Protein backbone atom coordinates (compact mmCIF):
# COMPACT_ATOMS: atom_id res chain seq x y z
CA MET A 1 155.00 101.92 -6.51
CA THR A 2 154.78 98.13 -5.84
CA THR A 3 156.18 94.83 -5.04
CA ILE A 4 156.27 92.24 -7.88
CA ASN A 5 157.88 88.46 -6.99
CA ALA A 6 158.57 85.51 -8.20
CA MET A 7 160.05 82.23 -6.43
CA LYS A 8 160.97 78.92 -8.05
CA PHE A 9 159.90 75.43 -5.65
CA SER A 10 161.34 73.32 -7.99
CA GLU A 11 161.94 72.19 -11.66
CA ASN A 12 158.35 72.23 -12.25
CA GLU A 13 156.63 74.90 -9.92
CA GLY A 14 156.44 78.18 -8.84
CA CYS A 15 154.88 81.24 -8.21
CA MET A 16 154.65 85.00 -8.62
CA ILE A 17 152.69 87.29 -6.32
CA CYS A 18 152.41 91.25 -6.72
CA ASP A 19 149.64 93.77 -4.73
CA GLU A 20 147.23 95.96 -6.46
CA GLN A 21 148.43 99.48 -5.16
CA ARG A 22 149.23 102.22 -7.66
CA GLY A 23 150.00 105.78 -7.43
CA TRP A 24 147.41 107.99 -9.93
CA ASN A 25 147.75 111.91 -11.22
CA PRO A 26 150.53 114.47 -10.04
CA ASP A 27 149.21 114.27 -6.35
CA ASN A 28 149.90 110.87 -6.72
CA LEU A 29 146.62 109.48 -5.05
CA LYS A 30 146.77 106.09 -4.30
CA ILE A 31 144.54 103.59 -6.07
CA LEU A 32 143.66 99.91 -5.83
CA THR A 33 143.52 98.71 -9.46
CA ALA A 34 146.88 98.19 -10.70
CA ASP A 35 146.70 94.76 -12.73
CA LYS A 36 150.89 94.19 -12.46
CA ILE A 37 150.70 90.47 -13.36
CA LYS A 38 149.17 89.09 -16.17
CA PRO A 39 149.21 85.96 -18.65
CA ILE A 40 150.94 86.11 -21.61
CA ILE A 41 150.09 82.94 -23.46
CA PHE A 42 146.96 82.85 -25.46
CA ASP A 43 144.94 79.76 -24.48
CA HIS A 44 144.68 77.51 -27.40
CA ILE A 45 148.64 78.21 -27.74
CA ARG A 46 149.20 77.08 -24.24
CA ASP A 47 146.31 73.94 -25.10
CA ARG A 48 148.95 72.70 -27.42
CA TYR A 49 152.11 72.84 -25.86
CA GLY A 50 151.78 73.44 -22.15
CA LEU A 51 153.02 76.49 -22.30
CA VAL A 52 152.58 78.91 -19.31
CA ALA A 53 154.10 82.18 -18.72
CA CYS A 54 153.15 85.77 -17.18
CA TYR A 55 154.73 89.02 -16.96
CA GLY A 56 154.67 91.57 -14.30
CA ASN A 57 155.69 95.46 -14.36
CA THR A 58 157.13 97.55 -11.86
CA GLY A 59 157.11 101.13 -12.99
CA THR A 60 154.68 103.42 -14.86
CA SER A 61 151.38 101.46 -14.47
CA SER A 62 150.01 102.02 -18.11
CA TRP A 63 153.61 101.09 -19.40
CA GLY A 64 153.32 97.50 -17.92
CA ASP A 65 149.66 97.34 -19.42
CA GLU A 66 151.08 98.57 -23.07
CA VAL A 67 153.77 95.94 -22.42
CA LYS A 68 151.77 92.58 -21.24
CA PHE A 69 149.33 93.38 -24.29
CA SER A 70 152.46 93.52 -26.86
CA ILE A 71 153.94 90.82 -25.63
CA LYS A 72 151.08 88.73 -25.33
CA ARG A 73 150.34 89.98 -29.39
CA ALA A 74 153.64 89.29 -30.70
CA ILE A 75 153.78 85.86 -29.20
CA GLY A 76 150.11 85.43 -30.76
CA GLU A 77 152.06 86.99 -34.34
CA ARG A 78 154.64 84.57 -34.05
CA TYR A 79 152.57 81.45 -33.55
CA ASP A 80 150.56 82.18 -36.60
CA SER A 81 153.46 83.07 -38.51
CA GLU A 82 155.08 79.30 -38.27
CA LEU A 83 151.51 77.92 -39.10
CA LYS A 84 151.74 79.85 -41.99
CA LYS A 85 155.38 78.68 -42.91
CA ARG A 86 154.33 75.24 -42.42
CA GLY A 87 150.87 74.92 -44.20
CA GLY A 88 148.74 74.88 -41.25
CA GLU A 89 150.47 72.63 -39.56
CA THR A 90 151.54 73.20 -35.65
CA PRO A 91 155.13 73.23 -35.06
CA LYS A 92 156.35 70.40 -32.87
CA ASP A 93 158.01 73.10 -30.93
CA PHE A 94 157.28 76.81 -30.39
CA ILE A 95 159.53 79.03 -27.69
CA THR A 96 160.94 78.46 -24.84
CA ILE A 97 160.56 80.78 -21.47
CA GLU A 98 163.73 82.46 -22.34
CA GLN A 99 162.92 83.03 -25.84
CA ILE A 100 160.19 85.15 -24.35
CA ALA A 101 162.27 86.96 -21.91
CA GLU A 102 164.47 87.87 -24.74
CA MET A 103 161.37 89.38 -27.06
CA THR A 104 160.09 91.16 -24.41
CA TYR A 105 163.64 92.85 -23.75
CA ASP A 106 163.03 93.69 -27.19
CA ILE A 107 159.41 95.28 -27.11
CA ILE A 108 160.18 97.35 -24.32
CA CYS A 109 163.37 98.86 -25.88
CA GLY A 110 161.40 99.45 -28.60
CA MET A 111 158.22 100.93 -26.84
CA LYS A 112 161.47 103.21 -24.81
CA HIS A 113 162.25 104.74 -27.92
CA ASP A 114 159.04 105.17 -29.67
CA HIS A 115 157.85 107.01 -26.30
CA ILE A 116 161.02 109.14 -26.14
CA ASP A 117 160.55 110.35 -30.01
CA GLN A 118 157.18 111.24 -29.13
CA THR A 119 158.29 113.05 -26.31
CA LEU A 120 160.83 114.66 -28.38
CA LEU A 121 158.07 115.50 -31.15
CA SER A 122 156.13 117.16 -29.15
CA ARG A 123 158.45 119.17 -27.81
CA TYR A 124 160.65 120.01 -30.58
CA GLY A 125 159.53 118.59 -33.33
CA PHE A 126 162.19 116.06 -34.22
CA THR A 127 162.78 112.27 -32.88
CA ALA A 128 166.04 110.82 -31.64
CA LYS A 129 167.38 109.91 -34.83
CA ASP A 130 167.52 113.23 -35.96
CA PHE A 131 168.87 113.99 -33.36
CA ILE A 132 172.07 111.93 -33.24
CA ARG A 133 172.30 112.41 -37.24
CA GLY A 134 172.57 116.35 -35.97
CA TYR A 135 169.44 117.71 -38.47
CA TYR A 136 165.70 117.49 -39.48
CA GLU A 137 163.69 117.61 -42.05
CA LYS A 138 160.27 119.01 -42.63
CA GLY A 139 158.27 120.98 -45.37
CA GLY A 140 161.05 120.34 -47.84
CA LYS A 141 163.79 122.35 -45.38
CA ARG A 142 166.65 121.14 -43.52
CA TYR A 143 167.16 122.74 -40.23
CA ASP A 144 170.78 121.94 -38.41
CA LEU A 145 170.50 121.78 -34.49
CA LYS A 146 173.00 123.82 -33.16
CA ASN A 147 171.15 125.78 -30.36
CA SER A 148 173.76 123.98 -27.21
CA ASP A 149 170.63 124.25 -24.56
CA VAL A 150 168.68 122.18 -26.50
CA THR A 151 171.21 120.31 -27.31
CA ALA A 152 172.46 119.73 -24.03
CA GLU A 153 168.45 119.10 -22.84
CA VAL A 154 168.31 116.74 -25.21
CA ASP A 155 171.13 114.67 -25.02
CA GLY A 156 170.34 114.64 -20.98
CA ALA A 157 167.09 113.06 -21.87
CA LEU A 158 168.30 110.43 -24.17
CA ILE A 159 170.48 109.00 -21.56
CA TRP A 160 168.37 110.22 -18.65
CA LYS A 161 170.92 112.08 -16.96
CA GLY A 162 170.34 112.45 -13.05
CA ARG A 163 167.52 109.62 -12.94
CA SER A 164 165.26 112.28 -12.88
CA GLY A 165 162.66 114.69 -15.40
CA GLU A 166 160.27 113.91 -17.48
CA MET A 167 161.61 110.87 -19.05
CA THR A 168 161.70 109.23 -16.05
CA PRO A 169 158.00 107.60 -16.22
CA ILE A 170 159.95 105.96 -19.31
CA PHE A 171 163.30 104.94 -18.05
CA LEU A 172 161.66 103.98 -14.55
CA ASN A 173 160.35 100.58 -15.03
CA ALA A 174 161.37 97.06 -14.90
CA GLY A 175 159.53 93.49 -14.93
CA ILE A 176 159.82 89.54 -14.31
CA VAL A 177 158.97 87.13 -16.82
CA ALA A 178 157.92 83.75 -15.24
CA GLY A 179 156.64 80.75 -16.44
CA TRP A 180 157.03 76.98 -17.45
CA GLU A 181 157.64 75.19 -20.57
CA PRO A 182 158.38 71.56 -21.18
CA LYS A 183 161.16 71.60 -22.37
CA ASP A 184 163.16 73.83 -19.51
CA GLY A 185 160.69 73.82 -16.90
CA PHE A 186 160.24 76.52 -14.23
CA ARG A 187 162.40 79.76 -15.08
CA ILE A 188 162.50 83.31 -13.69
CA PHE A 189 163.90 86.64 -15.79
CA ALA A 190 164.58 89.81 -14.48
CA LEU A 191 164.76 92.22 -17.29
CA SER A 192 165.19 96.38 -16.44
CA LEU A 193 165.02 99.90 -18.30
CA ILE A 194 166.79 101.24 -15.45
CA GLU A 195 170.14 98.85 -15.61
CA PHE A 196 169.20 98.14 -19.26
CA LYS A 197 169.49 94.49 -19.52
CA TYR A 198 167.34 91.54 -19.17
CA GLU A 199 169.13 88.19 -16.86
CA PRO A 200 168.21 84.91 -15.71
CA VAL A 201 167.89 85.01 -12.59
CA GLN A 202 170.04 82.64 -10.51
CA GLU A 203 168.58 82.58 -7.07
CA ILE A 204 165.13 80.69 -6.64
CA PHE A 205 163.79 84.22 -5.94
CA LEU A 206 163.47 87.70 -7.19
CA CYS A 207 161.49 90.95 -5.86
CA ASP A 208 161.05 94.18 -7.54
CA GLY A 209 159.48 97.24 -6.55
CA SER A 210 159.45 99.66 -4.42
CA GLY A 211 158.47 96.74 -1.97
CA ARG A 212 161.36 95.15 -2.76
CA ASP A 213 163.53 95.63 0.63
CA MET A 214 161.47 94.41 2.69
CA ALA A 215 160.11 91.04 0.44
CA THR A 216 163.76 90.77 0.08
CA VAL A 217 164.97 89.81 3.68
CA VAL A 218 161.84 88.01 4.03
CA MET A 219 163.40 85.28 1.38
CA THR A 220 166.64 85.81 1.93
CA GLU A 221 166.18 84.77 5.80
CA TYR A 222 163.67 81.83 4.97
CA LEU A 223 166.47 81.24 1.77
CA ASN A 224 169.43 80.87 4.41
CA MET A 225 167.67 77.86 6.67
CA LYS A 226 167.71 75.90 3.57
CA SER A 227 170.26 73.03 2.15
CA VAL A 228 171.95 73.43 -1.06
CA PRO A 229 170.37 70.46 -2.24
CA GLU A 230 167.14 72.08 -1.09
CA ARG A 231 167.24 75.36 -2.81
CA ARG A 232 168.34 73.81 -5.98
CA GLY A 233 164.73 72.59 -6.57
CA GLN A 234 163.69 70.72 -3.66
CA ILE A 235 161.41 73.99 -1.75
CA ASP A 236 158.20 72.51 -0.68
CA ARG A 237 155.38 74.10 -2.86
CA VAL A 238 153.29 75.25 0.40
CA GLU A 239 156.07 76.49 2.72
CA GLY A 240 157.38 78.54 -0.40
CA LEU A 241 154.30 80.13 -1.10
CA VAL A 242 153.28 81.25 2.40
CA THR A 243 156.47 82.42 2.51
CA ALA A 244 156.02 84.60 -0.52
CA ILE A 245 152.81 86.00 1.07
CA ASP A 246 154.83 86.76 3.77
CA ALA A 247 157.83 88.86 1.88
CA VAL A 248 154.49 90.75 0.25
CA ASN A 249 152.79 90.96 4.13
CA ALA A 250 156.47 92.58 4.88
CA ALA A 251 155.91 94.89 2.02
CA VAL A 252 152.70 96.04 2.81
CA ARG A 253 153.39 96.84 6.55
CA HIS A 254 156.79 99.04 5.77
CA ASP A 255 156.31 100.72 2.39
CA ILE A 256 153.66 103.09 1.73
CA GLY A 257 153.44 102.34 -2.14
CA CYS A 258 152.17 98.04 -1.77
CA TYR A 259 148.80 97.76 -0.42
CA GLY A 260 146.00 95.99 -1.23
CA TYR A 261 144.50 92.44 -2.34
CA PHE A 262 147.37 90.34 -3.70
CA ASN A 263 147.44 89.00 -7.47
CA ILE A 264 148.51 84.60 -6.95
CA MET A 265 149.90 83.20 -9.67
CA MET A 266 151.14 79.55 -9.22
CA PHE A 267 152.65 77.24 -11.85
CA ASN A 268 152.61 73.59 -11.98
CA GLY A 269 153.89 72.15 -14.78
CA LYS A 270 153.03 68.52 -13.41
CA GLU A 271 149.24 69.59 -14.18
CA PRO A 272 147.99 66.93 -16.32
CA VAL A 273 145.25 69.34 -17.87
CA HIS A 274 147.28 72.49 -19.27
CA ALA A 275 144.91 75.03 -17.66
CA ASP A 276 145.41 73.77 -14.49
CA LYS A 277 149.33 74.68 -15.14
CA LEU A 278 148.67 78.06 -14.20
CA ARG A 279 146.14 79.04 -11.26
CA THR A 280 145.49 82.84 -10.32
CA ARG A 281 144.13 83.49 -6.89
CA ASN A 282 143.35 87.26 -6.45
CA GLY A 283 139.62 86.88 -4.76
CA ASP A 284 138.50 86.02 -1.42
CA GLU A 285 141.35 83.65 -1.55
CA SER A 286 143.89 85.59 -1.89
CA LYS A 287 142.39 87.65 1.01
CA LEU A 288 142.20 85.67 3.16
CA ALA A 289 145.38 84.08 2.53
CA MET A 290 147.00 87.29 3.25
CA GLU A 291 144.87 86.95 6.51
CA ILE A 292 145.93 84.18 7.75
CA VAL A 293 149.85 84.59 6.93
CA SER A 294 149.97 87.94 8.33
CA GLY A 295 148.27 85.90 11.70
CA MET A 296 151.66 83.46 11.79
CA TYR A 297 154.03 86.22 11.67
CA HIS A 298 151.90 88.33 14.54
CA GLY A 299 151.81 84.70 16.64
CA LEU A 300 148.39 84.74 16.71
CA VAL A 301 147.96 81.05 13.83
CA ASP A 302 150.83 78.64 14.53
CA ARG A 303 152.98 77.33 11.77
CA ASP A 304 151.31 73.97 10.89
CA LEU A 305 147.78 75.71 10.84
CA THR A 306 148.96 78.60 8.66
CA HIS A 307 150.20 75.66 6.19
CA ARG A 308 147.22 73.41 6.00
CA LEU A 309 144.61 76.25 5.67
CA VAL A 310 147.11 78.00 3.03
CA GLU A 311 147.03 74.68 0.84
CA ASP A 312 143.68 73.70 1.55
CA LEU A 313 142.57 77.19 0.48
CA LEU A 314 145.20 77.84 -2.46
CA TYR A 315 146.10 74.61 -3.36
CA LYS A 316 142.78 72.46 -2.89
CA ASP A 317 140.34 74.99 -3.70
CA ALA A 318 138.22 74.59 -0.05
CA LYS A 319 136.13 77.39 -0.01
CA PRO A 320 137.50 80.71 1.68
CA GLU A 321 133.88 80.37 4.14
CA THR A 322 134.81 76.81 5.64
CA VAL A 323 138.67 78.06 5.78
CA GLU A 324 137.50 81.01 7.48
CA GLU A 325 135.69 79.03 10.01
CA GLN A 326 138.87 76.67 10.48
CA LEU A 327 140.88 79.93 11.28
CA PHE A 328 138.49 81.24 14.11
CA SER A 329 138.42 77.99 15.39
CA ASN A 330 142.12 76.84 15.94
CA THR A 331 143.17 80.08 16.79
CA LYS A 332 145.50 80.37 20.09
CA ASP A 333 143.32 83.49 21.30
CA LEU A 334 139.85 84.56 19.12
CA LYS A 335 139.21 88.02 20.23
CA LYS A 336 142.74 88.87 19.43
CA LEU A 337 142.61 87.91 15.82
CA ARG A 338 139.49 89.41 15.49
CA ARG A 339 140.33 92.56 16.82
CA PHE A 340 143.93 92.20 14.69
CA LEU A 341 141.98 92.03 11.49
CA ARG A 342 139.68 94.62 12.54
CA GLY A 343 142.84 97.01 12.44
CA TYR A 344 143.29 97.13 16.18
CA LYS A 345 146.87 97.57 17.34
CA ILE A 346 147.69 94.11 19.39
CA ASN A 347 150.80 93.88 22.03
């Protein structure tokens, strides 16, 4: 259970945000260790092309970790292959965000087949390919698959019948690829094994995971107030980032599966230094930004102050201690804000 979110501000800027809670073991104990959104481009490739991209996963945490590792490795191998073909000369153009999304979908489909085969082999001794052809071989002998109970079980597993059972950790996974590259700018793609698809996001945001219902409400209410030209790429980046944080806050308030520090990824293709095109905040800055926006939601911090503090904290690298002092010295009700941040119920 989780909330992963992406939002496009303009052709060159956007963000991704997620929480860090996951359910662990059969008792579904919550643990705040999930690294749900990760960069998937090696530094040397980023420095050569200015390409930055991340993948965020919702579903099985170990599956998401495997996907992120596999994507990054596949992109690196593709780059090395291009270098080898050109005798060490770097290609002028390398890869787009759309091609990365397509590659990611191929990877997760391949992983699905591998994990299904592992399950079938451990339980029945044959793979999905064996099942489709109607027999398997072992020790030089052929065994026809004629047991109706077994074939019914395997058939149901392969199509995830009822959307439940032991195949759920495989099929119940979805993801977001988002990033910037010089050709097409900032783009967002949705991928899913639940619906068997990958596709570009036509709106300027995407929310997924168990917290998507509440996060989507916040995003939609914000964008409903924007004109078509604004929605096509004129969203103020601070206003947009505050809205995205507010959306994840809403998921935390209402969804039992969302909690912990936020992982905030900010993309800006206009930055002259390639290393600055993707900036990550997931420590004290992230927690303080979450609290500032939550204070705004509850009427304890005014909107203009919220935007100024979030901009200073996340875009201008102000120290959290300095921003916190400004927050407490400019709040409408200091006592009430302190009590709220300590977990007291307030009217």
